[in-house]
Amino acid sequence: MSTPTEGSETAAATAAEGATAERSANSFLGDVWTNFKRWNLKAVRNPFVLVVSLVQPIIFLVLFTQVFGTVAGGALPGGISYETYLVPAIAIQVSLAAAVTSGIGLVNDIEEGMFEKVLVSPMNRTAVFLGKTMAELLRIALQIGIILVLGVALGAEITTGVVGAVGIAAAGVLFSLWFIAFSNTLAVLTRDQESTIIAANLLQFPLLFLSSAFLPLESLPGWIRTVAMLNPVTYGVDAARAIILDADVMTVIDVSLGYGGALDTLVPAVAVLLALDLALGAVAVAMLSRATSSKVR
């Protein structure tokens, strides 16, 4: 039989455990929110990087539609305008370009000594990466919105309307996660801004042009179709294009899931992108978790 003193001690211990668990949960969410705010404020105070990541895709959208639209339009099935065909590709290009800035931002933190401070702080490192990523995803969604508005102004038609526009932004966000993780991994490995920029940018154009971004795969050489099957850009572009056209557009792999329409493209494309996001996201978090202040001096 327990004494009143033992009972009060047990109750106090239980309360302490509950308070510790509550503080732990609040701490993780608080770390996420703190990093989310910090990276958004950093972007607002230095909008140059955001503008630069938008300029190149806008140039591609305007030049490709105006210069190549008439010629490329003849290769498109179903009388689709080249503006409508190209907008999803430019949305994915925005995701790629903006994801590169994620690693650049981390390198800046490393060079300024802020990353070292974060490493020695009690912040949860998964929460640090999550908060940073959420801020970047918000900016990517806004940038895709700008591209969609410009595309419509140039003559593109979003068959699925406002819901489709939101879906395209969601596809771009889902696609960008793997490259955000990749660019942050590069930042931790190289700890150098120029190396991170060169390595990330070196991949952008091959990824874009060896995919279904600018022309249907049927009109491209066989070796490009083979590479496109392994190219994440193909699945991101096909997902966004299926949404804008409300149709099954995937030709890189022969799938017939019986859903009909856009879902026959969206289901395999989303599955591929989710697997890639989880794999590279795990690598990025592991790299951040293993980082020590001695590695980033």
C-alpha atoms as a PDB file:
ATOM      1  CA  MET A   1       0.000   0.000   0.000  1.00  0.00           C
ATOM      2  CA  SER A   2       1.463   3.334  -1.050  1.00  0.00           C
ATOM      3  CA  THR A   3       1.813   6.216   1.350  1.00  0.00           C
ATOM      4  CA  PRO A   4       0.443   9.724   0.548  1.00  0.00           C
ATOM      5  CA  THR A   5       4.013  10.893   0.003  1.00  0.00           C
ATOM      6  CA  GLU A   6       4.686   8.155  -2.551  1.00  0.00           C
ATOM      7  CA  GLY A   7       1.402   8.953  -4.311  1.00  0.00           C
ATOM      8  CA  SER A   8       2.256  12.627  -4.575  1.00  0.00           C
ATOM      9  CA  GLU A   9       5.742  11.792  -5.882  1.00  0.00           C
ATOM     10  CA  THR A  10       4.239   9.493  -8.525  1.00  0.00           C
ATOM     11  CA  ALA A  11       1.778  12.173  -9.598  1.00  0.00           C
ATOM     12  CA  ALA A  12       4.563  14.746  -9.760  1.00  0.00           C
ATOM     13  CA  ALA A  13       6.715  12.429 -11.871  1.00  0.00           C
ATOM     14  CA  THR A  14       3.806  11.766 -14.232  1.00  0.00           C
ATOM     15  CA  ALA A  15       3.118  15.473 -14.559  1.00  0.00           C
ATOM     16  CA  ALA A  16       6.796  16.151 -15.203  1.00  0.00           C
ATOM     17  CA  GLU A  17       6.894  13.506 -17.923  1.00  0.00           C
ATOM     18  CA  GLY A  18       3.799  15.010 -19.539  1.00  0.00           C
ATOM     19  CA  ALA A  19       5.289  18.491 -19.398  1.00  0.00           C
ATOM     20  CA  THR A  20       8.534  17.204 -20.918  1.00  0.00           C
ATOM     21  CA  ALA A  21       6.646  15.515 -23.748  1.00  0.00           C
ATOM     22  CA  GLU A  22       4.616  18.679 -24.361  1.00  0.00           C
ATOM     23  CA  ARG A  23       7.760  20.835 -24.402  1.00  0.00           C
ATOM     24  CA  SER A  24       9.378  18.382 -26.816  1.00  0.00           C
ATOM     25  CA  ALA A  25       6.434  18.570 -29.237  1.00  0.00           C
ATOM     26  CA  ASN A  26       6.210  22.333 -28.959  1.00  0.00           C
ATOM     27  CA  SER A  27       9.954  22.580 -29.431  1.00  0.00           C
ATOM     28  CA  PHE A  28       9.867  20.720 -32.767  1.00  0.00           C
ATOM     29  CA  LEU A  29       6.989  22.807 -34.122  1.00  0.00           C
ATOM     30  CA  GLY A  30       8.595  25.946 -32.729  1.00  0.00           C
ATOM     31  CA  ASP A  31      11.867  25.111 -34.488  1.00  0.00           C
ATOM     32  CA  VAL A  32       9.995  24.570 -37.761  1.00  0.00           C
ATOM     33  CA  TRP A  33       8.166  27.895 -37.399  1.00  0.00           C
ATOM     34  CA  THR A  34      11.328  29.791 -36.430  1.00  0.00           C
ATOM     35  CA  ASN A  35      13.211  28.553 -39.484  1.00  0.00           C
ATOM     36  CA  PHE A  36      10.199  29.110 -41.750  1.00  0.00           C
ATOM     37  CA  LYS A  37      10.023  32.763 -40.677  1.00  0.00           C
ATOM     38  CA  ARG A  38      13.792  33.276 -40.848  1.00  0.00           C
ATOM     39  CA  TRP A  39      14.131  32.028 -44.420  1.00  0.00           C
ATOM     40  CA  ASN A  40      11.116  34.026 -45.594  1.00  0.00           C
ATOM     41  CA  LEU A  41      12.511  37.192 -44.004  1.00  0.00           C
ATOM     42  CA  LYS A  42      15.873  36.477 -45.593  1.00  0.00           C
ATOM     43  CA  ALA A  43      14.202  36.201 -49.011  1.00  0.00           C
ATOM     44  CA  VAL A  44      12.262  39.433 -48.544  1.00  0.00           C
ATOM     45  CA  ARG A  45      15.412  41.300 -47.545  1.00  0.00           C
ATOM     46  CA  ASN A  46      17.330  39.936 -50.528  1.00  0.00           C
ATOM     47  CA  PRO A  47      14.831  39.527 -53.405  1.00  0.00           C
ATOM     48  CA  PHE A  48      17.593  39.455 -56.035  1.00  0.00           C
ATOM     49  CA  VAL A  49      17.956  35.663 -55.892  1.00  0.00           C
ATOM     50  CA  LEU A  50      14.193  35.207 -56.306  1.00  0.00           C
ATOM     51  CA  VAL A  51      14.106  37.538 -59.297  1.00  0.00           C
ATOM     52  CA  VAL A  52      17.056  35.781 -60.938  1.00  0.00           C
ATOM     53  CA  SER A  53      15.405  32.367 -60.537  1.00  0.00           C
ATOM     54  CA  LEU A  54      12.344  33.746 -62.356  1.00  0.00           C
ATOM     55  CA  VAL A  55      14.087  35.633 -65.160  1.00  0.00           C
ATOM     56  CA  GLN A  56      15.457  32.644 -67.075  1.00  0.00           C
ATOM     57  CA  PRO A  57      12.156  30.684 -67.127  1.00  0.00           C
ATOM     58  CA  ILE A  58      10.282  33.826 -68.236  1.00  0.00           C
ATOM     59  CA  ILE A  59      12.793  34.338 -71.066  1.00  0.00           C
ATOM     60  CA  PHE A  60      12.334  30.703 -72.095  1.00  0.00           C
ATOM     61  CA  LEU A  61       8.537  31.060 -72.026  1.00  0.00           C
ATOM     62  CA  VAL A  62       8.483  34.217 -74.141  1.00  0.00           C
ATOM     63  CA  LEU A  63      11.208  33.219 -76.610  1.00  0.00           C
ATOM     64  CA  PHE A  64      10.116  29.620 -77.124  1.00  0.00           C
ATOM     65  CA  THR A  65       6.472  30.529 -77.687  1.00  0.00           C
ATOM     66  CA  GLN A  66       7.250  33.455 -79.990  1.00  0.00           C
ATOM     67  CA  VAL A  67      10.214  32.013 -81.895  1.00  0.00           C
ATOM     68  CA  PHE A  68       9.506  28.269 -81.987  1.00  0.00           C
ATOM     69  CA  GLY A  69       5.760  28.223 -81.434  1.00  0.00           C
ATOM     70  CA  THR A  70       4.763  27.982 -85.093  1.00  0.00           C
ATOM     71  CA  VAL A  71       7.279  25.258 -85.942  1.00  0.00           C
ATOM     72  CA  ALA A  72       6.932  23.225 -82.727  1.00  0.00           C
ATOM     73  CA  GLY A  73       3.156  23.496 -82.767  1.00  0.00           C
ATOM     74  CA  GLY A  74       3.038  21.236 -85.817  1.00  0.00           C
ATOM     75  CA  ALA A  75       4.495  18.367 -83.799  1.00  0.00           C
ATOM     76  CA  LEU A  76       1.797  18.544 -81.124  1.00  0.00           C
ATOM     77  CA  PRO A  77      -1.178  16.185 -81.122  1.00  0.00           C
ATOM     78  CA  GLY A  78      -4.795  17.261 -80.966  1.00  0.00           C
ATOM     79  CA  GLY A  79      -4.336  20.852 -82.079  1.00  0.00           C
ATOM     80  CA  ILE A  80      -2.873  21.943 -78.748  1.00  0.00           C
ATOM     81  CA  SER A  81      -1.265  25.381 -78.855  1.00  0.00           C
ATOM     82  CA  TYR A  82       2.447  25.463 -78.076  1.00  0.00           C
ATOM     83  CA  GLU A  83       1.778  28.044 -75.343  1.00  0.00           C
ATOM     84  CA  THR A  84      -0.476  25.571 -73.536  1.00  0.00           C
ATOM     85  CA  TYR A  85       2.016  22.747 -74.087  1.00  0.00           C
ATOM     86  CA  LEU A  86       4.985  24.771 -72.845  1.00  0.00           C
ATOM     87  CA  VAL A  87       3.586  26.376 -69.676  1.00  0.00           C
ATOM     88  CA  PRO A  88       3.810  23.161 -67.567  1.00  0.00           C
ATOM     89  CA  ALA A  89       7.453  22.738 -68.635  1.00  0.00           C
ATOM     90  CA  ILE A  90       8.286  26.303 -67.604  1.00  0.00           C
ATOM     91  CA  ALA A  91       6.524  25.744 -64.265  1.00  0.00           C
ATOM     92  CA  ILE A  92       8.851  22.789 -63.658  1.00  0.00           C
ATOM     93  CA  GLN A  93      11.831  24.850 -64.824  1.00  0.00           C
ATOM     94  CA  VAL A  94      10.916  27.468 -62.200  1.00  0.00           C
ATOM     95  CA  SER A  95      10.887  24.697 -59.594  1.00  0.00           C
ATOM     96  CA  LEU A  96      14.370  23.609 -60.671  1.00  0.00           C
ATOM     97  CA  ALA A  97      15.813  27.127 -60.721  1.00  0.00           C
ATOM     98  CA  ALA A  98      14.280  28.046 -57.363  1.00  0.00           C
ATOM     99  CA  ALA A  99      15.463  24.787 -55.798  1.00  0.00           C
ATOM    100  CA  VAL A 100      19.047  25.699 -56.695  1.00  0.00           C
ATOM    101  CA  THR A 101      18.734  28.826 -54.529  1.00  0.00           C
ATOM    102  CA  SER A 102      18.001  26.572 -51.546  1.00  0.00           C
ATOM    103  CA  GLY A 103      21.541  25.204 -51.550  1.00  0.00           C
ATOM    104  CA  ILE A 104      22.974  28.662 -52.215  1.00  0.00           C
ATOM    105  CA  GLY A 105      21.152  29.995 -49.153  1.00  0.00           C
ATOM    106  CA  LEU A 106      22.593  27.219 -47.014  1.00  0.00           C
ATOM    107  CA  VAL A 107      26.108  27.938 -48.311  1.00  0.00           C
ATOM    108  CA  ASN A 108      25.641  31.594 -47.373  1.00  0.00           C
ATOM    109  CA  ASP A 109      24.709  30.477 -43.859  1.00  0.00           C
ATOM    110  CA  ILE A 110      27.847  28.344 -43.748  1.00  0.00           C
ATOM    111  CA  GLU A 111      30.092  31.160 -44.950  1.00  0.00           C
ATOM    112  CA  GLU A 112      28.560  33.676 -42.541  1.00  0.00           C
ATOM    113  CA  GLY A 113      28.880  31.313 -39.563  1.00  0.00           C
ATOM    114  CA  MET A 114      25.116  31.050 -39.017  1.00  0.00           C
ATOM    115  CA  PHE A 115      25.025  27.350 -39.859  1.00  0.00           C
ATOM    116  CA  GLU A 116      27.621  26.641 -37.183  1.00  0.00           C
ATOM    117  CA  LYS A 117      25.429  28.432 -34.646  1.00  0.00           C
ATOM    118  CA  VAL A 118      22.433  26.345 -35.690  1.00  0.00           C
ATOM    119  CA  LEU A 119      24.463  23.140 -35.296  1.00  0.00           C
ATOM    120  CA  VAL A 120      25.420  23.926 -31.704  1.00  0.00           C
ATOM    121  CA  SER A 121      21.909  25.150 -30.815  1.00  0.00           C
ATOM    122  CA  PRO A 122      19.310  22.819 -29.259  1.00  0.00           C
ATOM    123  CA  MET A 123      17.190  23.024 -32.443  1.00  0.00           C
ATOM    124  CA  ASN A 124      16.007  19.758 -33.935  1.00  0.00           C
ATOM    125  CA  ARG A 125      17.901  19.385 -37.222  1.00  0.00           C
ATOM    126  CA  THR A 126      14.984  17.764 -39.006  1.00  0.00           C
ATOM    127  CA  ALA A 127      12.879  20.764 -37.970  1.00  0.00           C
ATOM    128  CA  VAL A 128      15.596  23.107 -39.252  1.00  0.00           C
ATOM    129  CA  PHE A 129      15.512  21.472 -42.688  1.00  0.00           C
ATOM    130  CA  LEU A 130      11.701  21.232 -42.690  1.00  0.00           C
ATOM    131  CA  GLY A 131      11.182  24.902 -41.824  1.00  0.00           C
ATOM    132  CA  LYS A 132      13.687  26.001 -44.448  1.00  0.00           C
ATOM    133  CA  THR A 133      12.085  23.746 -47.064  1.00  0.00           C
ATOM    134  CA  MET A 134       8.555  24.952 -46.298  1.00  0.00           C
ATOM    135  CA  ALA A 135       9.644  28.575 -46.822  1.00  0.00           C
ATOM    136  CA  GLU A 136      11.186  27.665 -50.159  1.00  0.00           C
ATOM    137  CA  LEU A 137       8.126  25.696 -51.266  1.00  0.00           C
ATOM    138  CA  LEU A 138       5.930  28.711 -50.563  1.00  0.00           C
ATOM    139  CA  ARG A 139       8.125  30.869 -52.782  1.00  0.00           C
ATOM    140  CA  ILE A 140       8.146  28.236 -55.527  1.00  0.00           C
ATOM    141  CA  ALA A 141       4.340  28.072 -55.504  1.00  0.00           C
ATOM    142  CA  LEU A 142       4.132  31.863 -55.820  1.00  0.00           C
ATOM    143  CA  GLN A 143       6.652  31.884 -58.673  1.00  0.00           C
ATOM    144  CA  ILE A 144       4.714  29.188 -60.533  1.00  0.00           C
ATOM    145  CA  GLY A 145       1.604  31.343 -60.089  1.00  0.00           C
ATOM    146  CA  ILE A 146       3.405  34.205 -61.847  1.00  0.00           C
ATOM    147  CA  ILE A 147       4.379  31.895 -64.732  1.00  0.00           C
ATOM    148  CA  LEU A 148       0.797  30.662 -65.102  1.00  0.00           C
ATOM    149  CA  VAL A 149      -0.561  34.214 -65.259  1.00  0.00           C
ATOM    150  CA  LEU A 150       2.051  35.150 -67.866  1.00  0.00           C
ATOM    151  CA  GLY A 151       1.351  31.971 -69.836  1.00  0.00           C
ATOM    152  CA  VAL A 152      -2.375  32.703 -69.971  1.00  0.00           C
ATOM    153  CA  ALA A 153      -1.564  36.245 -71.117  1.00  0.00           C
ATOM    154  CA  LEU A 154       0.495  34.755 -73.976  1.00  0.00           C
ATOM    155  CA  GLY A 155      -2.362  32.496 -75.056  1.00  0.00           C
ATOM    156  CA  ALA A 156      -2.089  29.331 -72.940  1.00  0.00           C
ATOM    157  CA  GLU A 157      -5.327  27.690 -71.847  1.00  0.00           C
ATOM    158  CA  ILE A 158      -5.699  25.946 -68.505  1.00  0.00           C
ATOM    159  CA  THR A 159      -8.503  23.497 -69.287  1.00  0.00           C
ATOM    160  CA  THR A 160      -9.120  22.695 -65.636  1.00  0.00           C
ATOM    161  CA  GLY A 161      -9.383  26.353 -64.563  1.00  0.00           C
ATOM    162  CA  VAL A 162      -8.385  27.647 -61.147  1.00  0.00           C
ATOM    163  CA  VAL A 163      -8.348  24.148 -59.644  1.00  0.00           C
ATOM    164  CA  GLY A 164      -5.939  23.115 -62.386  1.00  0.00           C
ATOM    165  CA  ALA A 165      -3.699  26.106 -61.693  1.00  0.00           C
ATOM    166  CA  VAL A 166      -3.497  25.074 -58.035  1.00  0.00           C
ATOM    167  CA  GLY A 167      -2.779  21.500 -59.136  1.00  0.00           C
ATOM    168  CA  ILE A 168       0.067  22.634 -61.400  1.00  0.00           C
ATOM    169  CA  ALA A 169       1.588  24.601 -58.513  1.00  0.00           C
ATOM    170  CA  ALA A 170       1.253  21.502 -56.318  1.00  0.00           C
ATOM    171  CA  ALA A 171       2.955  19.366 -58.987  1.00  0.00           C
ATOM    172  CA  GLY A 172       5.802  21.896 -59.173  1.00  0.00           C
ATOM    173  CA  VAL A 173       6.176  21.899 -55.395  1.00  0.00           C
ATOM    174  CA  LEU A 174       6.200  18.090 -55.258  1.00  0.00           C
ATOM    175  CA  PHE A 175       8.775  17.967 -58.038  1.00  0.00           C
ATOM    176  CA  SER A 176      11.025  20.599 -56.434  1.00  0.00           C
ATOM    177  CA  LEU A 177      11.471  18.692 -53.170  1.00  0.00           C
ATOM    178  CA  TRP A 178      14.047  16.249 -54.536  1.00  0.00           C
ATOM    179  CA  PHE A 179      16.160  19.013 -56.076  1.00  0.00           C
ATOM    180  CA  ILE A 180      15.931  21.126 -52.916  1.00  0.00           C
ATOM    181  CA  ALA A 181      17.278  18.134 -51.004  1.00  0.00           C
ATOM    182  CA  PHE A 182      19.967  17.606 -53.638  1.00  0.00           C
ATOM    183  CA  SER A 183      21.126  21.245 -53.613  1.00  0.00           C
ATOM    184  CA  ASN A 184      21.283  21.272 -49.792  1.00  0.00           C
ATOM    185  CA  THR A 185      23.299  18.065 -49.848  1.00  0.00           C
ATOM    186  CA  LEU A 186      25.686  19.717 -52.316  1.00  0.00           C
ATOM    187  CA  ALA A 187      25.947  22.732 -50.013  1.00  0.00           C
ATOM    188  CA  VAL A 188      26.943  20.592 -47.023  1.00  0.00           C
ATOM    189  CA  LEU A 189      29.412  18.582 -49.124  1.00  0.00           C
ATOM    190  CA  THR A 190      31.085  21.477 -50.967  1.00  0.00           C
ATOM    191  CA  ARG A 191      30.643  24.266 -48.378  1.00  0.00           C
ATOM    192  CA  ASP A 192      31.337  26.604 -51.299  1.00  0.00           C
ATOM    193  CA  GLN A 193      28.856  28.831 -53.139  1.00  0.00           C
ATOM    194  CA  GLU A 194      30.472  28.656 -56.572  1.00  0.00           C
ATOM    195  CA  SER A 195      30.781  24.869 -56.469  1.00  0.00           C
ATOM    196  CA  THR A 196      27.145  24.498 -55.432  1.00  0.00           C
ATOM    197  CA  ILE A 197      25.917  26.836 -58.177  1.00  0.00           C
ATOM    198  CA  ILE A 198      28.044  25.186 -60.878  1.00  0.00           C
ATOM    199  CA  ALA A 199      27.102  21.624 -59.886  1.00  0.00           C
ATOM    200  CA  ALA A 200      23.378  22.387 -59.626  1.00  0.00           C
ATOM    201  CA  ASN A 201      23.180  24.513 -62.777  1.00  0.00           C
ATOM    202  CA  LEU A 202      25.186  21.949 -64.718  1.00  0.00           C
ATOM    203  CA  LEU A 203      22.291  19.529 -64.321  1.00  0.00           C
ATOM    204  CA  GLN A 204      19.448  21.905 -65.180  1.00  0.00           C
ATOM    205  CA  PHE A 205      19.716  22.078 -68.971  1.00  0.00           C
ATOM    206  CA  PRO A 206      20.397  18.362 -69.584  1.00  0.00           C
ATOM    207  CA  LEU A 207      17.475  17.499 -67.302  1.00  0.00           C
ATOM    208  CA  LEU A 208      15.171  19.883 -69.151  1.00  0.00           C
ATOM    209  CA  PHE A 209      16.152  19.060 -72.718  1.00  0.00           C
ATOM    210  CA  LEU A 210      16.416  15.287 -72.211  1.00  0.00           C
ATOM    211  CA  SER A 211      12.763  15.086 -71.232  1.00  0.00           C
ATOM    212  CA  SER A 212       9.269  15.745 -72.555  1.00  0.00           C
ATOM    213  CA  ALA A 213       9.519  19.420 -71.552  1.00  0.00           C
ATOM    214  CA  PHE A 214       9.738  21.166 -74.928  1.00  0.00           C
ATOM    215  CA  LEU A 215       8.636  18.580 -77.509  1.00  0.00           C
ATOM    216  CA  PRO A 216       6.713  15.270 -77.487  1.00  0.00           C
ATOM    217  CA  LEU A 217       9.048  12.331 -76.972  1.00  0.00           C
ATOM    218  CA  GLU A 218       7.741  10.684 -80.168  1.00  0.00           C
ATOM    219  CA  SER A 219       9.422  13.423 -82.204  1.00  0.00           C
ATOM    220  CA  LEU A 220      12.789  13.014 -80.483  1.00  0.00           C
ATOM    221  CA  PRO A 221      15.603  10.469 -81.100  1.00  0.00           C
ATOM    222  CA  GLY A 222      15.301   7.058 -79.462  1.00  0.00           C
ATOM    223  CA  TRP A 223      18.232   7.578 -77.079  1.00  0.00           C
ATOM    224  CA  ILE A 224      16.559  10.710 -75.680  1.00  0.00           C
ATOM    225  CA  ARG A 225      13.372   8.705 -75.026  1.00  0.00           C
ATOM    226  CA  THR A 226      15.462   6.173 -73.125  1.00  0.00           C
ATOM    227  CA  VAL A 227      17.127   8.864 -70.996  1.00  0.00           C
ATOM    228  CA  ALA A 228      13.756  10.567 -70.456  1.00  0.00           C
ATOM    229  CA  MET A 229      12.434   7.424 -68.789  1.00  0.00           C
ATOM    230  CA  LEU A 230      15.011   7.913 -66.006  1.00  0.00           C
ATOM    231  CA  ASN A 231      14.663  11.708 -65.881  1.00  0.00           C
ATOM    232  CA  PRO A 232      12.594  13.157 -62.987  1.00  0.00           C
ATOM    233  CA  VAL A 233      11.757  16.216 -65.110  1.00  0.00           C
ATOM    234  CA  THR A 234       9.716  14.000 -67.448  1.00  0.00           C
ATOM    235  CA  TYR A 235       7.441  12.915 -64.603  1.00  0.00           C
ATOM    236  CA  GLY A 236       7.112  16.444 -63.214  1.00  0.00           C
ATOM    237  CA  VAL A 237       6.285  17.927 -66.630  1.00  0.00           C
ATOM    238  CA  ASP A 238       3.887  15.110 -67.510  1.00  0.00           C
ATOM    239  CA  ALA A 239       2.047  15.555 -64.196  1.00  0.00           C
ATOM    240  CA  ALA A 240       1.665  19.311 -64.722  1.00  0.00           C
ATOM    241  CA  ARG A 241       0.724  18.831 -68.393  1.00  0.00           C
ATOM    242  CA  ALA A 242      -1.902  16.205 -67.555  1.00  0.00           C
ATOM    243  CA  ILE A 243      -3.486  18.730 -65.184  1.00  0.00           C
ATOM    244  CA  ILE A 244      -3.476  21.635 -67.647  1.00  0.00           C
ATOM    245  CA  LEU A 245      -4.925  19.473 -70.465  1.00  0.00           C
ATOM    246  CA  ASP A 246      -7.061  17.179 -68.259  1.00  0.00           C
ATOM    247  CA  ALA A 247      -5.779  14.235 -70.289  1.00  0.00           C
ATOM    248  CA  ASP A 248      -3.433  11.258 -70.134  1.00  0.00           C
ATOM    249  CA  VAL A 249      -0.167  12.535 -71.630  1.00  0.00           C
ATOM    250  CA  MET A 250       2.421  10.068 -70.335  1.00  0.00           C
ATOM    251  CA  THR A 251       4.301   8.317 -73.133  1.00  0.00           C
ATOM    252  CA  VAL A 252       7.615   7.625 -71.423  1.00  0.00           C
ATOM    253  CA  ILE A 253       6.177   4.449 -69.921  1.00  0.00           C
ATOM    254  CA  ASP A 254       3.209   2.456 -71.163  1.00  0.00           C
ATOM    255  CA  VAL A 255       0.724   2.374 -68.301  1.00  0.00           C
ATOM    256  CA  SER A 256      -3.033   1.894 -68.329  1.00  0.00           C
ATOM    257  CA  LEU A 257      -4.355   1.995 -64.797  1.00  0.00           C
ATOM    258  CA  GLY A 258      -7.987   2.219 -65.791  1.00  0.00           C
ATOM    259  CA  TYR A 259      -8.625   5.548 -64.074  1.00  0.00           C
ATOM    260  CA  GLY A 260      -9.107   7.370 -67.341  1.00  0.00           C
ATOM    261  CA  GLY A 261      -7.924  10.823 -68.330  1.00  0.00           C
ATOM    262  CA  ALA A 262      -5.318  12.722 -66.317  1.00  0.00           C
ATOM    263  CA  LEU A 263      -5.209  10.204 -63.468  1.00  0.00           C
ATOM    264  CA  ASP A 264      -3.481   7.626 -65.681  1.00  0.00           C
ATOM    265  CA  THR A 265      -0.567  10.076 -65.848  1.00  0.00           C
ATOM    266  CA  LEU A 266      -0.806  11.582 -62.373  1.00  0.00           C
ATOM    267  CA  VAL A 267      -0.762   8.341 -60.365  1.00  0.00           C
ATOM    268  CA  PRO A 268       2.550   6.937 -61.730  1.00  0.00           C
ATOM    269  CA  ALA A 269       4.139  10.404 -61.985  1.00  0.00           C
ATOM    270  CA  VAL A 270       3.296  11.290 -58.379  1.00  0.00           C
ATOM    271  CA  ALA A 271       4.476   7.852 -57.193  1.00  0.00           C
ATOM    272  CA  VAL A 272       7.866   8.321 -58.895  1.00  0.00           C
ATOM    273  CA  LEU A 273       8.298  11.870 -57.558  1.00  0.00           C
ATOM    274  CA  LEU A 274       7.282  10.907 -54.005  1.00  0.00           C
ATOM    275  CA  ALA A 275       9.799   8.053 -53.969  1.00  0.00           C
ATOM    276  CA  LEU A 276      12.533  10.382 -55.206  1.00  0.00           C
ATOM    277  CA  ASP A 277      11.586  13.092 -52.685  1.00  0.00           C
ATOM    278  CA  LEU A 278      11.677  10.653 -49.768  1.00  0.00           C
ATOM    279  CA  ALA A 279      14.996   9.127 -50.831  1.00  0.00           C
ATOM    280  CA  LEU A 280      16.878  12.403 -51.380  1.00  0.00           C
ATOM    281  CA  GLY A 281      15.116  14.104 -48.468  1.00  0.00           C
ATOM    282  CA  ALA A 282      16.401  11.355 -46.181  1.00  0.00           C
ATOM    283  CA  VAL A 283      19.914  11.856 -47.552  1.00  0.00           C
ATOM    284  CA  ALA A 284      19.742  15.628 -46.975  1.00  0.00           C
ATOM    285  CA  VAL A 285      18.483  15.248 -43.402  1.00  0.00           C
ATOM    286  CA  ALA A 286      21.182  12.638 -42.731  1.00  0.00           C
ATOM    287  CA  MET A 287      23.859  14.999 -44.062  1.00  0.00           C
ATOM    288  CA  LEU A 288      22.598  17.821 -41.848  1.00  0.00           C
ATOM    289  CA  SER A 289      22.398  15.490 -38.847  1.00  0.00           C
ATOM    290  CA  ARG A 290      25.974  14.304 -39.316  1.00  0.00           C
ATOM    291  CA  ALA A 291      27.340  17.791 -39.872  1.00  0.00           C
ATOM    292  CA  THR A 292      29.478  19.172 -37.060  1.00  0.00           C
ATOM    293  CA  SER A 293      30.809  22.640 -36.443  1.00  0.00           C
ATOM    294  CA  SER A 294      34.293  21.422 -37.322  1.00  0.00           C
ATOM    295  CA  LYS A 295      33.080  20.445 -40.813  1.00  0.00           C
ATOM    296  CA  VAL A 296      31.695  23.867 -41.602  1.00  0.00           C
ATOM    297  CA  ARG A 297      34.511  26.085 -40.360  1.00  0.00           C
END
